[in-house]
Amino acid sequence: MFRPLALFIGLRYTRAERSNRFISFISLISMLGLTLGVAVLITVLSVMNGFDRELKTRILGMVPQATVVSPEIISDWEDLATEIKKDPEVDAVAPFIQLQGMLTANSQVSGVMVTGIEPEYEKKVSIINQHMVEGSIDTLQSGDFSIVLGQDMVQSLGLNIGDKVTLVLPEASPSPAGVIPRFKRFTLTGVFNISPEVDSLMAFIPMHDAAKLLRLPDGAQGVRMKLDNIFNAPMAAQKAAAIAPDQLYPNNWTQTHGNLFGAIQMEKAMVGLLLFLIILVAAFNIVSSLVMLVTDKKADIAILKTFGASPRLITQVFMVQGLVIGVIGTVAGTILGVIFALTISDILGFINQTFGLHLFDAYFINYLPSQLRLVDVVLITGASFTLSFLATIYPARRAARIQPAQTLRYE
């Protein structure tokens, strides 16, 4: 079977017992360093991708991506929504009324951001309908004074479907007994479970009931938009506000949650850079191990040159050895990284549940997300191969410059 001479000699050197055990140890460390660096980098980037995905789908799936709000009630919001929908970037629109207050039930009190919605429109711009664990947002019918709450809020107030909960507004109403806070009893008709941050803060009621509670005429305070590309939100909000620039004010998710998204992106970049240093250190180990190997094999190199081996052949022999270390370390690291990226959510979830560690209480989701992307695997693998190749150039060229006469004189 035909095999190039450089490949044959390089592989033979790789498999052969070395007189200097330290060189073999350094080569092993180089290989393990590459494996560890590639595996950890793939795993960590997958986790950061998971956080990025959860932010976009869960948090930004609930909060408005872009809105226009008016200081006055918009009675003809349907016409405004039709105009906004003419923008090709806008997928869907929905009216809303927002108010803040406190919910009280079973001697428990909790602050809440209440949004008055039209269910048929809200389902087009929000993910809430896909995350209902009890009931449905279709139960929010005008005049029923029904309410849909997050699972965390329901648990903290000790509620069940059909229970009554009182919404207290931070406004005072005059009465024969004096000035008292404005409040209204609602019936719990639905429970959603999206993320702790959303579940504990947001509530939904019919938009007509929200207007009645605020003593406003029938209509909407604003219109929210769902976009093809969330990064076009500032421009889409500005375009929508331009329809009535004296009455409408734009807002978008970058003003409310942009810092969280930016922090995840910066953390992903910095963690990736720091972990890439592991691969770089492993590449330097390849250089050192090959330099020591060249010194150890000077006599063999001199004999090969005496038999007519060209400097190019000697260079290729030692590049083969370095590339073998790089290929084995990179492939092993890629396999381990992909396995960990696909299973780390389940593994840490099991550990968290078994030992009650509460590992994810500080995050906006209650589990560790992971999303493996082919482009990340290709880039990391390619970078590792490239560094392994570059690490072989100097030792291989040094081997090619060895002079047979000078070397064999002392053997």
Foldseek 3Di string as FASTA:
>chain_A
DDDDPLLVLLVCVLPDDAPDVVLVVLLVVLLQLLLVLLQVLLQVLQLLVFQLVLCCAFVCQADFQKKKFFPAFDAVVVVLQVVLVVPPFFDAKWFKAWAKWWKAAPNDIATAIEIATDQVRSVRRHCQQVFWPFAGPVVQDPPQQAKEAEPVQCVRRVHDQFDKMKTWHPDWDQDPVGTDTQMDIHGYGTYGYRWPVDRRYYMYHHRNVVCVSVVHPDGGRMMGTHGPDSVCRVVSQVVSCVVPVVTIDMDRVCVVCVVVSVVSVVVSVVVSVVSVVSLVVSLLSLLVSLLVVLVSCLQVLLVCVVVPDALVSLLSNQLSNLLVSLVSSLVSSLVSNVVCLVCVQVVVVVVCVVVVPQPCVVDRHRTRTGHRDPVSSVVSSVVSSVSSNVSSRVSSSVSSPRHSVVSVVVD
